[in-house]
Amino acid sequence: MMTNRQQLNSIVGQSAQPAISKLGDVLCELMENQILPQQAKFQSVLDTWTQLLPIELRKHCKIIDIKAGQLKVLVDQPAYLYELQLCSNQLLKQLQQACPRARIKKIKFTAG
């Protein structure tokens, strides 16, 4: 006859393994259905951004976030921030054409 502790260990040992495999299945599903499609969508934005900007301008800014239709760009110097703001409408139109799935509605430049 098994003691209470042995029975508990037996139950926990049996139920722990399926929970781990279920968690693994959930993580795989999350990667396949959520994360990878988002990454692919936003990778096209990064690739297009790289193609649109001259290398000298690109050295002084980087995309830090894409959220709720807003592309956030960190710019290291005020002069480059101003230059990017001047061409932001054109950049936005070209990004919208090249990456419609990203649904970018606005570009926000911040100094930093």
Protein backbone atom coordinates (compact mmCIF):
# COMPACT_ATOMS: atom_id res chain seq x y z
CA MET A 1 0.00 0.00 0.00
CA MET A 2 1.27 3.48 -0.92
CA THR A 3 1.60 6.29 1.59
CA ASN A 4 -0.07 9.64 0.98
CA ARG A 5 3.28 11.15 0.02
CA GLN A 6 3.97 8.38 -2.50
CA GLN A 7 0.51 8.79 -4.01
CA LEU A 8 1.02 12.55 -4.30
CA ASN A 9 4.43 12.06 -5.92
CA SER A 10 2.91 9.55 -8.30
CA ILE A 11 0.12 11.94 -9.30
CA VAL A 12 2.40 14.96 -9.65
CA GLY A 13 4.95 12.96 -11.63
CA GLN A 14 2.29 11.74 -14.03
CA SER A 15 0.61 15.09 -14.59
CA ALA A 16 3.78 17.19 -14.85
CA GLN A 17 5.01 15.64 -18.09
CA PRO A 18 1.84 16.30 -20.16
CA ALA A 19 1.76 19.90 -18.89
CA ILE A 20 5.31 20.43 -20.12
CA SER A 21 4.57 18.99 -23.53
CA LYS A 22 1.38 21.06 -23.75
CA LEU A 23 3.34 24.18 -22.85
CA GLY A 24 5.83 23.33 -25.60
CA ASP A 25 2.96 22.94 -28.05
CA VAL A 26 1.52 26.29 -27.00
CA LEU A 27 4.89 27.99 -27.45
CA CYS A 28 5.36 26.47 -30.89
CA GLU A 29 1.89 27.57 -31.90
CA LEU A 30 2.55 31.07 -30.57
CA MET A 31 5.77 31.28 -32.58
CA GLU A 32 4.16 30.03 -35.78
CA ASN A 33 0.93 32.00 -35.57
CA GLN A 34 1.91 35.22 -33.83
CA ILE A 35 5.60 36.00 -33.62
CA LEU A 36 6.93 34.83 -36.98
CA PRO A 37 4.21 36.60 -39.03
CA GLN A 38 4.82 39.83 -37.08
CA GLN A 39 8.55 39.52 -37.59
CA ALA A 40 8.09 38.97 -41.33
CA LYS A 41 5.75 41.95 -41.58
CA PHE A 42 8.09 44.30 -39.77
CA GLN A 43 11.24 42.97 -41.40
CA SER A 44 9.92 44.33 -44.69
CA VAL A 45 9.65 47.77 -43.03
CA LEU A 46 13.28 47.57 -41.87
CA ASP A 47 14.44 46.45 -45.30
CA THR A 48 12.50 49.22 -47.05
CA TRP A 49 13.77 51.82 -44.56
CA THR A 50 17.32 50.74 -45.33
CA GLN A 51 16.72 51.12 -49.07
CA LEU A 52 15.01 54.51 -48.81
CA LEU A 53 17.55 56.36 -46.69
CA PRO A 54 21.01 57.37 -47.83
CA ILE A 55 23.71 55.65 -45.80
CA GLU A 56 24.85 58.89 -44.13
CA LEU A 57 21.36 59.58 -42.83
CA ARG A 58 20.80 55.94 -41.89
CA LYS A 59 23.88 56.01 -39.63
CA HIS A 60 22.18 58.56 -37.39
CA CYS A 61 18.79 56.95 -36.87
CA LYS A 62 17.21 53.62 -36.08
CA ILE A 63 13.71 52.23 -35.87
CA ILE A 64 12.90 51.51 -32.24
CA ASP A 65 9.24 50.49 -32.42
CA ILE A 66 6.30 49.84 -34.68
CA LYS A 67 3.06 49.97 -32.76
CA ALA A 68 -0.55 50.96 -33.46
CA GLY A 69 0.31 52.24 -36.93
CA GLN A 70 3.16 54.41 -35.71
CA LEU A 71 6.78 53.93 -36.69
CA LYS A 72 9.08 55.33 -34.00
CA VAL A 73 12.55 56.39 -35.06
CA LEU A 74 15.34 57.44 -32.71
CA VAL A 75 17.68 60.08 -34.17
CA ASP A 76 21.02 60.90 -32.58
CA GLN A 77 21.45 64.55 -33.65
CA PRO A 78 18.99 67.45 -34.05
CA ALA A 79 20.21 68.28 -37.56
CA TYR A 80 19.37 64.78 -38.78
CA LEU A 81 16.08 64.87 -36.91
CA TYR A 82 15.13 68.03 -38.79
CA GLU A 83 16.20 66.54 -42.12
CA LEU A 84 14.10 63.42 -41.51
CA GLN A 85 11.10 65.50 -40.49
CA LEU A 86 11.34 67.42 -43.76
CA CYS A 87 11.06 64.24 -45.80
CA SER A 88 8.73 62.35 -43.45
CA ASN A 89 5.66 62.60 -45.72
CA GLN A 90 7.56 61.14 -48.64
CA LEU A 91 9.07 58.40 -46.45
CA LEU A 92 5.65 57.55 -45.07
CA LYS A 93 4.10 57.24 -48.54
CA GLN A 94 6.90 55.03 -49.77
CA LEU A 95 6.73 52.80 -46.68
CA GLN A 96 2.96 52.50 -47.04
CA GLN A 97 3.33 51.46 -50.67
CA ALA A 98 6.15 49.00 -50.07
CA CYS A 99 4.79 47.54 -46.79
CA PRO A 100 0.98 47.71 -46.77
CA ARG A 101 0.68 44.88 -44.21
CA ALA A 102 2.50 46.99 -41.60
CA ARG A 103 -0.31 49.60 -41.76
CA ILE A 104 1.96 52.51 -40.90
CA LYS A 105 -0.01 55.75 -40.55
CA LYS A 106 2.58 57.98 -38.95
CA ILE A 107 6.32 58.32 -38.42
CA LYS A 108 7.45 59.79 -35.12
CA PHE A 109 11.04 60.98 -34.81
CA THR A 110 12.59 61.47 -31.39
CA ALA A 111 15.98 62.80 -30.41
CA GLY A 112 18.15 60.60 -28.31
